[in-house]
All heavy atoms as atom14 arrays in JSON, in Angstrom:
{
  "sequence": "QGQRTNDIMRTLTAVTAIFLPLNLFTGFFGMNFEHLP",
  "atom14_mask": [
    [1, 1, 1, 1, 1, 1, 1, 1, 1, 0, 0, 0, 0, 0],
    [1, 1, 1, 1, 0, 0, 0, 0, 0, 0, 0, 0, 0, 0],
    [1, 1, 1, 1, 1, 1, 1, 1, 1, 0, 0, 0, 0, 0],
    [1, 1, 1, 1, 1, 1, 1, 1, 1, 1, 1, 0, 0, 0],
    [1, 1, 1, 1, 1, 1, 1, 0, 0, 0, 0, 0, 0, 0],
    [1, 1, 1, 1, 1, 1, 1, 1, 0, 0, 0, 0, 0, 0],
    [1, 1, 1, 1, 1, 1, 1, 1, 0, 0, 0, 0, 0, 0],
    [1, 1, 1, 1, 1, 1, 1, 1, 0, 0, 0, 0, 0, 0],
    [1, 1, 1, 1, 1, 1, 1, 1, 0, 0, 0, 0, 0, 0],
    [1, 1, 1, 1, 1, 1, 1, 1, 1, 1, 1, 0, 0, 0],
    [1, 1, 1, 1, 1, 1, 1, 0, 0, 0, 0, 0, 0, 0],
    [1, 1, 1, 1, 1, 1, 1, 1, 0, 0, 0, 0, 0, 0],
    [1, 1, 1, 1, 1, 1, 1, 0, 0, 0, 0, 0, 0, 0],
    [1, 1, 1, 1, 1, 0, 0, 0, 0, 0, 0, 0, 0, 0],
    [1, 1, 1, 1, 1, 1, 1, 0, 0, 0, 0, 0, 0, 0],
    [1, 1, 1, 1, 1, 1, 1, 0, 0, 0, 0, 0, 0, 0],
    [1, 1, 1, 1, 1, 0, 0, 0, 0, 0, 0, 0, 0, 0],
    [1, 1, 1, 1, 1, 1, 1, 1, 0, 0, 0, 0, 0, 0],
    [1, 1, 1, 1, 1, 1, 1, 1, 1, 1, 1, 0, 0, 0],
    [1, 1, 1, 1, 1, 1, 1, 1, 0, 0, 0, 0, 0, 0],
    [1, 1, 1, 1, 1, 1, 1, 0, 0, 0, 0, 0, 0, 0],
    [1, 1, 1, 1, 1, 1, 1, 1, 0, 0, 0, 0, 0, 0],
    [1, 1, 1, 1, 1, 1, 1, 1, 0, 0, 0, 0, 0, 0],
    [1, 1, 1, 1, 1, 1, 1, 1, 0, 0, 0, 0, 0, 0],
    [1, 1, 1, 1, 1, 1, 1, 1, 1, 1, 1, 0, 0, 0],
    [1, 1, 1, 1, 1, 1, 1, 0, 0, 0, 0, 0, 0, 0],
    [1, 1, 1, 1, 0, 0, 0, 0, 0, 0, 0, 0, 0, 0],
    [1, 1, 1, 1, 1, 1, 1, 1, 1, 1, 1, 0, 0, 0],
    [1, 1, 1, 1, 1, 1, 1, 1, 1, 1, 1, 0, 0, 0],
    [1, 1, 1, 1, 0, 0, 0, 0, 0, 0, 0, 0, 0, 0],
    [1, 1, 1, 1, 1, 1, 1, 1, 0, 0, 0, 0, 0, 0],
    [1, 1, 1, 1, 1, 1, 1, 1, 0, 0, 0, 0, 0, 0],
    [1, 1, 1, 1, 1, 1, 1, 1, 1, 1, 1, 0, 0, 0],
    [1, 1, 1, 1, 1, 1, 1, 1, 1, 0, 0, 0, 0, 0],
    [1, 1, 1, 1, 1, 1, 1, 1, 1, 1, 0, 0, 0, 0],
    [1, 1, 1, 1, 1, 1, 1, 1, 0, 0, 0, 0, 0, 0],
    [1, 1, 1, 1, 1, 1, 1, 0, 0, 0, 0, 0, 0, 0]
  ],
  "atom14_positions": [
    [[11.68, -23.39, 37.83], [12.88, -24.24, 37.81], [12.77, -25.39, 38.81], [13.15, -26.54, 38.5], [14.09, -23.35, 38.13], [14.45, -22.35, 37.04], [14.9, -22.99, 35.77], [15.4, -24.12, 35.74], [14.71, -22.29, 34.64], [0.0, 0.0, 0.0], [0.0, 0.0, 0.0], [0.0, 0.0, 0.0], [0.0, 0.0, 0.0], [0.0, 0.0, 0.0]],
    [[12.23, -25.1, 39.99], [12.04, -26.17, 40.97], [11.04, -27.22, 40.49], [11.21, -28.41, 40.71], [0.0, 0.0, 0.0], [0.0, 0.0, 0.0], [0.0, 0.0, 0.0], [0.0, 0.0, 0.0], [0.0, 0.0, 0.0], [0.0, 0.0, 0.0], [0.0, 0.0, 0.0], [0.0, 0.0, 0.0], [0.0, 0.0, 0.0], [0.0, 0.0, 0.0]],
    [[9.96, -26.78, 39.78], [8.98, -27.69, 39.27], [9.6, -28.56, 38.18], [9.33, -29.78, 38.12], [7.77, -26.91, 38.75], [6.64, -27.79, 38.24], [6.05, -28.68, 39.29], [5.97, -28.27, 40.47], [5.63, -29.9, 38.95], [0.0, 0.0, 0.0], [0.0, 0.0, 0.0], [0.0, 0.0, 0.0], [0.0, 0.0, 0.0], [0.0, 0.0, 0.0]],
    [[10.38, -27.96, 37.32], [11.06, -28.77, 36.27], [11.99, -29.82, 36.9], [12.03, -30.97, 36.47], [11.85, -27.86, 35.36], [11.0, -26.9, 34.53], [11.8, -26.22, 33.46], [11.09, -25.14, 32.8], [11.25, -23.83, 33.07], [12.16, -23.45, 33.98], [10.52, -22.92, 32.45], [0.0, 0.0, 0.0], [0.0, 0.0, 0.0], [0.0, 0.0, 0.0]],
    [[12.71, -29.42, 37.95], [13.59, -30.33, 38.63], [12.78, -31.49, 39.25], [13.16, -32.63, 39.19], [14.41, -29.62, 39.68], [15.15, -28.57, 39.09], [15.36, -30.58, 40.41], [0.0, 0.0, 0.0], [0.0, 0.0, 0.0], [0.0, 0.0, 0.0], [0.0, 0.0, 0.0], [0.0, 0.0, 0.0], [0.0, 0.0, 0.0], [0.0, 0.0, 0.0]],
    [[11.66, -31.12, 39.87], [10.81, -32.17, 40.46], [10.29, -33.13, 39.41], [10.19, -34.36, 39.63], [9.64, -31.51, 41.22], [10.11, -30.8, 42.42], [11.16, -31.07, 43.0], [9.28, -29.81, 42.88], [0.0, 0.0, 0.0], [0.0, 0.0, 0.0], [0.0, 0.0, 0.0], [0.0, 0.0, 0.0], [0.0, 0.0, 0.0], [0.0, 0.0, 0.0]],
    [[9.87, -32.61, 38.26], [9.37, -33.48, 37.17], [10.45, -34.43, 36.69], [10.2, -35.63, 36.45], [8.87, -32.64, 35.99], [7.6, -31.84, 36.36], [6.93, -32.24, 37.36], [7.31, -30.86, 35.68], [0.0, 0.0, 0.0], [0.0, 0.0, 0.0], [0.0, 0.0, 0.0], [0.0, 0.0, 0.0], [0.0, 0.0, 0.0], [0.0, 0.0, 0.0]],
    [[11.66, -33.9, 36.56], [12.78, -34.73, 36.08], [13.08, -35.84, 37.1], [13.23, -37.04, 36.77], [14.01, -33.9, 35.83], [13.79, -32.98, 34.63], [15.23, -34.77, 35.54], [14.88, -31.97, 34.38], [0.0, 0.0, 0.0], [0.0, 0.0, 0.0], [0.0, 0.0, 0.0], [0.0, 0.0, 0.0], [0.0, 0.0, 0.0], [0.0, 0.0, 0.0]],
    [[13.15, -35.46, 38.39], [13.43, -36.46, 39.45], [12.29, -37.47, 39.55], [12.55, -38.68, 39.78], [13.62, -35.73, 40.78], [14.86, -34.87, 40.83], [16.37, -35.79, 40.46], [16.35, -36.98, 41.79], [0.0, 0.0, 0.0], [0.0, 0.0, 0.0], [0.0, 0.0, 0.0], [0.0, 0.0, 0.0], [0.0, 0.0, 0.0], [0.0, 0.0, 0.0]],
    [[11.04, -37.08, 39.35], [9.93, -38.01, 39.41], [9.99, -39.03, 38.28], [9.78, -40.21, 38.43], [8.6, -37.27, 39.39], [7.39, -38.16, 39.49], [6.13, -37.32, 39.6], [6.0, -36.43, 38.48], [5.0, -35.55, 38.35], [4.07, -35.45, 39.32], [4.9, -34.76, 37.29], [0.0, 0.0, 0.0], [0.0, 0.0, 0.0], [0.0, 0.0, 0.0]],
    [[10.36, -38.52, 37.08], [10.51, -39.4, 35.9], [11.66, -40.41, 36.13], [11.5, -41.63, 35.85], [10.76, -38.59, 34.65], [9.66, -37.68, 34.44], [10.89, -39.49, 33.45], [0.0, 0.0, 0.0], [0.0, 0.0, 0.0], [0.0, 0.0, 0.0], [0.0, 0.0, 0.0], [0.0, 0.0, 0.0], [0.0, 0.0, 0.0], [0.0, 0.0, 0.0]],
    [[12.8, -39.91, 36.6], [13.93, -40.82, 36.87], [13.58, -41.82, 37.94], [13.97, -43.03, 37.85], [15.15, -40.0, 37.28], [15.75, -39.1, 36.19], [16.93, -38.28, 36.79], [16.25, -39.93, 35.01], [0.0, 0.0, 0.0], [0.0, 0.0, 0.0], [0.0, 0.0, 0.0], [0.0, 0.0, 0.0], [0.0, 0.0, 0.0], [0.0, 0.0, 0.0]],
    [[12.85, -41.42, 38.95], [12.47, -42.34, 40.03], [11.51, -43.39, 39.49], [11.63, -44.59, 39.86], [11.79, -41.58, 41.14], [12.72, -40.57, 41.66], [11.42, -42.49, 42.29], [0.0, 0.0, 0.0], [0.0, 0.0, 0.0], [0.0, 0.0, 0.0], [0.0, 0.0, 0.0], [0.0, 0.0, 0.0], [0.0, 0.0, 0.0], [0.0, 0.0, 0.0]],
    [[10.56, -42.98, 38.64], [9.66, -43.96, 38.04], [10.39, -44.97, 37.18], [10.1, -46.19, 37.24], [8.56, -43.27, 37.28], [0.0, 0.0, 0.0], [0.0, 0.0, 0.0], [0.0, 0.0, 0.0], [0.0, 0.0, 0.0], [0.0, 0.0, 0.0], [0.0, 0.0, 0.0], [0.0, 0.0, 0.0], [0.0, 0.0, 0.0], [0.0, 0.0, 0.0]],
    [[11.31, -44.49, 36.34], [12.08, -45.41, 35.48], [12.88, -46.4, 36.34], [12.95, -47.6, 36.05], [12.95, -44.57, 34.53], [13.93, -45.52, 33.79], [12.12, -43.79, 33.56], [0.0, 0.0, 0.0], [0.0, 0.0, 0.0], [0.0, 0.0, 0.0], [0.0, 0.0, 0.0], [0.0, 0.0, 0.0], [0.0, 0.0, 0.0], [0.0, 0.0, 0.0]],
    [[13.5, -45.87, 37.4], [14.27, -46.75, 38.28], [13.4, -47.77, 38.93], [13.74, -48.97, 39.08], [14.98, -45.87, 39.36], [15.83, -44.9, 38.71], [15.83, -46.74, 40.27], [0.0, 0.0, 0.0], [0.0, 0.0, 0.0], [0.0, 0.0, 0.0], [0.0, 0.0, 0.0], [0.0, 0.0, 0.0], [0.0, 0.0, 0.0], [0.0, 0.0, 0.0]],
    [[12.18, -47.34, 39.4], [11.26, -48.31, 40.03], [10.79, -49.32, 39.07], [10.49, -50.52, 39.48], [10.06, -47.51, 40.58], [0.0, 0.0, 0.0], [0.0, 0.0, 0.0], [0.0, 0.0, 0.0], [0.0, 0.0, 0.0], [0.0, 0.0, 0.0], [0.0, 0.0, 0.0], [0.0, 0.0, 0.0], [0.0, 0.0, 0.0], [0.0, 0.0, 0.0]],
    [[10.65, -49.0, 37.79], [10.22, -49.99, 36.79], [11.3, -51.02, 36.55], [11.06, -52.23, 36.51], [9.82, -49.26, 35.47], [8.52, -48.44, 35.68], [9.62, -50.29, 34.38], [8.14, -47.6, 34.5], [0.0, 0.0, 0.0], [0.0, 0.0, 0.0], [0.0, 0.0, 0.0], [0.0, 0.0, 0.0], [0.0, 0.0, 0.0], [0.0, 0.0, 0.0]],
    [[12.52, -50.57, 36.42], [13.63, -51.51, 36.08], [14.16, -52.26, 37.29], [14.9, -53.23, 37.16], [14.74, -50.76, 35.36], [14.47, -50.52, 33.91], [13.88, -49.33, 33.53], [14.77, -51.48, 32.96], [13.61, -49.1, 32.2], [14.52, -51.23, 31.63], [13.93, -50.01, 31.23], [0.0, 0.0, 0.0], [0.0, 0.0, 0.0], [0.0, 0.0, 0.0]],
    [[13.87, -51.83, 38.47], [14.42, -52.51, 39.66], [13.92, -53.96, 39.8], [14.72, -54.88, 39.95], [14.03, -51.69, 40.92], [14.59, -52.28, 42.25], [16.12, -52.28, 42.19], [14.1, -51.42, 43.41], [0.0, 0.0, 0.0], [0.0, 0.0, 0.0], [0.0, 0.0, 0.0], [0.0, 0.0, 0.0], [0.0, 0.0, 0.0], [0.0, 0.0, 0.0]],
    [[12.59, -54.24, 39.67], [12.17, -55.65, 39.68], [12.66, -56.45, 38.51], [12.89, -57.66, 38.63], [10.64, -55.57, 39.75], [10.3, -54.24, 39.22], [11.44, -53.33, 39.59], [0.0, 0.0, 0.0], [0.0, 0.0, 0.0], [0.0, 0.0, 0.0], [0.0, 0.0, 0.0], [0.0, 0.0, 0.0], [0.0, 0.0, 0.0], [0.0, 0.0, 0.0]],
    [[12.85, -55.75, 37.34], [13.39, -56.48, 36.19], [14.8, -56.9, 36.44], [15.23, -57.99, 36.02], [13.31, -55.6, 34.95], [11.91, -55.03, 34.57], [11.95, -54.27, 33.3], [10.87, -56.19, 34.49], [0.0, 0.0, 0.0], [0.0, 0.0, 0.0], [0.0, 0.0, 0.0], [0.0, 0.0, 0.0], [0.0, 0.0, 0.0], [0.0, 0.0, 0.0]],
    [[15.6, -56.01, 37.06], [16.94, -56.37, 37.39], [16.99, -57.54, 38.38], [17.86, -58.42, 38.33], [17.7, -55.19, 37.98], [17.97, -54.07, 36.95], [18.03, -54.38, 35.77], [18.07, -52.85, 37.38], [0.0, 0.0, 0.0], [0.0, 0.0, 0.0], [0.0, 0.0, 0.0], [0.0, 0.0, 0.0], [0.0, 0.0, 0.0], [0.0, 0.0, 0.0]],
    [[16.06, -57.52, 39.33], [15.98, -58.6, 40.29], [15.65, -59.92, 39.58], [16.24, -60.99, 39.9], [14.95, -58.27, 41.36], [14.69, -59.37, 42.43], [15.98, -59.64, 43.24], [13.53, -58.97, 43.35], [0.0, 0.0, 0.0], [0.0, 0.0, 0.0], [0.0, 0.0, 0.0], [0.0, 0.0, 0.0], [0.0, 0.0, 0.0], [0.0, 0.0, 0.0]],
    [[14.69, -59.83, 38.64], [14.27, -61.02, 37.9], [15.43, -61.61, 37.1], [15.7, -62.81, 37.14], [13.09, -60.64, 37.02], [12.41, -61.8, 36.4], [11.43, -62.5, 37.05], [12.78, -62.24, 35.1], [10.78, -63.57, 36.48], [12.14, -63.3, 34.53], [11.15, -64.0, 35.19], [0.0, 0.0, 0.0], [0.0, 0.0, 0.0], [0.0, 0.0, 0.0]],
    [[16.08, -60.71, 36.35], [17.19, -61.19, 35.49], [18.41, -61.64, 36.34], [19.12, -62.55, 36.01], [17.68, -60.08, 34.55], [18.02, -58.91, 35.3], [16.57, -59.73, 33.56], [0.0, 0.0, 0.0], [0.0, 0.0, 0.0], [0.0, 0.0, 0.0], [0.0, 0.0, 0.0], [0.0, 0.0, 0.0], [0.0, 0.0, 0.0], [0.0, 0.0, 0.0]],
    [[18.6, -60.98, 37.49], [19.65, -61.42, 38.43], [19.39, -62.8, 38.96], [20.32, -63.58, 39.19], [0.0, 0.0, 0.0], [0.0, 0.0, 0.0], [0.0, 0.0, 0.0], [0.0, 0.0, 0.0], [0.0, 0.0, 0.0], [0.0, 0.0, 0.0], [0.0, 0.0, 0.0], [0.0, 0.0, 0.0], [0.0, 0.0, 0.0], [0.0, 0.0, 0.0]],
    [[18.12, -63.11, 39.22], [17.77, -64.44, 39.76], [18.09, -65.48, 38.76], [18.73, -66.52, 39.09], [16.3, -64.47, 40.13], [15.82, -65.77, 40.57], [16.07, -66.26, 41.87], [15.08, -66.6, 39.71], [15.65, -67.54, 42.26], [14.67, -67.87, 40.12], [14.95, -68.33, 41.37], [0.0, 0.0, 0.0], [0.0, 0.0, 0.0], [0.0, 0.0, 0.0]],
    [[17.73, -65.3, 37.51], [17.97, -66.32, 36.47], [19.42, -66.31, 36.02], [19.85, -67.17, 35.28], [17.02, -66.15, 35.27], [15.62, -66.64, 35.53], [14.63, -65.79, 35.94], [15.34, -68.0, 35.38], [13.38, -66.26, 36.18], [14.07, -68.47, 35.59], [13.07, -67.58, 36.0], [0.0, 0.0, 0.0], [0.0, 0.0, 0.0], [0.0, 0.0, 0.0]],
    [[20.16, -65.33, 36.43], [21.57, -65.28, 36.04], [22.49, -65.96, 37.04], [23.72, -65.99, 36.84], [0.0, 0.0, 0.0], [0.0, 0.0, 0.0], [0.0, 0.0, 0.0], [0.0, 0.0, 0.0], [0.0, 0.0, 0.0], [0.0, 0.0, 0.0], [0.0, 0.0, 0.0], [0.0, 0.0, 0.0], [0.0, 0.0, 0.0], [0.0, 0.0, 0.0]],
    [[21.94, -66.57, 38.07], [22.78, -67.27, 39.08], [23.31, -68.58, 38.47], [22.6, -69.25, 37.67], [21.98, -67.55, 40.31], [21.6, -66.29, 41.11], [20.84, -66.66, 42.73], [19.35, -67.48, 42.16], [0.0, 0.0, 0.0], [0.0, 0.0, 0.0], [0.0, 0.0, 0.0], [0.0, 0.0, 0.0], [0.0, 0.0, 0.0], [0.0, 0.0, 0.0]],
    [[24.48, -68.93, 38.82], [25.19, -70.1, 38.23], [24.82, -71.43, 38.96], [25.68, -72.09, 39.55], [26.7, -69.92, 38.27], [27.12, -68.81, 37.33], [26.55, -68.64, 36.25], [28.11, -68.02, 37.73], [0.0, 0.0, 0.0], [0.0, 0.0, 0.0], [0.0, 0.0, 0.0], [0.0, 0.0, 0.0], [0.0, 0.0, 0.0], [0.0, 0.0, 0.0]],
    [[23.54, -71.67, 39.02], [23.06, -72.96, 39.57], [22.58, -73.79, 38.42], [22.0, -73.3, 37.47], [21.98, -72.77, 40.63], [22.49, -72.09, 41.88], [22.18, -70.74, 42.12], [23.23, -72.78, 42.8], [22.61, -70.16, 43.29], [23.69, -72.2, 43.96], [23.37, -70.87, 44.21], [0.0, 0.0, 0.0], [0.0, 0.0, 0.0], [0.0, 0.0, 0.0]],
    [[22.76, -75.12, 38.54], [22.36, -75.99, 37.45], [20.87, -76.25, 37.44], [20.26, -76.31, 36.39], [23.09, -77.32, 37.57], [22.76, -78.32, 36.46], [23.51, -79.62, 36.55], [24.36, -79.74, 37.51], [23.3, -80.5, 35.72], [0.0, 0.0, 0.0], [0.0, 0.0, 0.0], [0.0, 0.0, 0.0], [0.0, 0.0, 0.0], [0.0, 0.0, 0.0]],
    [[20.25, -76.29, 38.59], [18.8, -76.58, 38.64], [18.03, -75.29, 38.97], [17.87, -74.9, 40.11], [18.49, -77.67, 39.73], [19.19, -78.95, 39.45], [18.82, -79.83, 38.43], [20.3, -79.53, 40.04], [19.62, -80.88, 38.43], [20.52, -80.7, 39.46], [0.0, 0.0, 0.0], [0.0, 0.0, 0.0], [0.0, 0.0, 0.0], [0.0, 0.0, 0.0]],
    [[17.68, -74.59, 37.95], [16.82, -73.4, 38.01], [15.65, -73.6, 37.09], [15.81, -74.21, 36.01], [17.61, -72.13, 37.63], [18.62, -71.61, 38.65], [19.37, -70.44, 38.06], [17.93, -71.2, 39.94], [0.0, 0.0, 0.0], [0.0, 0.0, 0.0], [0.0, 0.0, 0.0], [0.0, 0.0, 0.0], [0.0, 0.0, 0.0], [0.0, 0.0, 0.0]],
    [[14.46, -73.1, 37.44], [13.32, -73.27, 36.57], [13.51, -72.57, 35.22], [14.13, -71.47, 35.15], [12.18, -72.67, 37.34], [12.79, -71.81, 38.38], [14.14, -72.39, 38.66], [0.0, 0.0, 0.0], [0.0, 0.0, 0.0], [0.0, 0.0, 0.0], [0.0, 0.0, 0.0], [0.0, 0.0, 0.0], [0.0, 0.0, 0.0], [0.0, 0.0, 0.0]]
  ]
}
């Protein structure tokens, strides 16, 4: 049961780590400035 819990937490952590820079990227381009690349 502990191993299953560790596998689930590792998967969730990996998914979070993957989407964290994507959120940062989309948040950067979502700023309300007129001059953005």
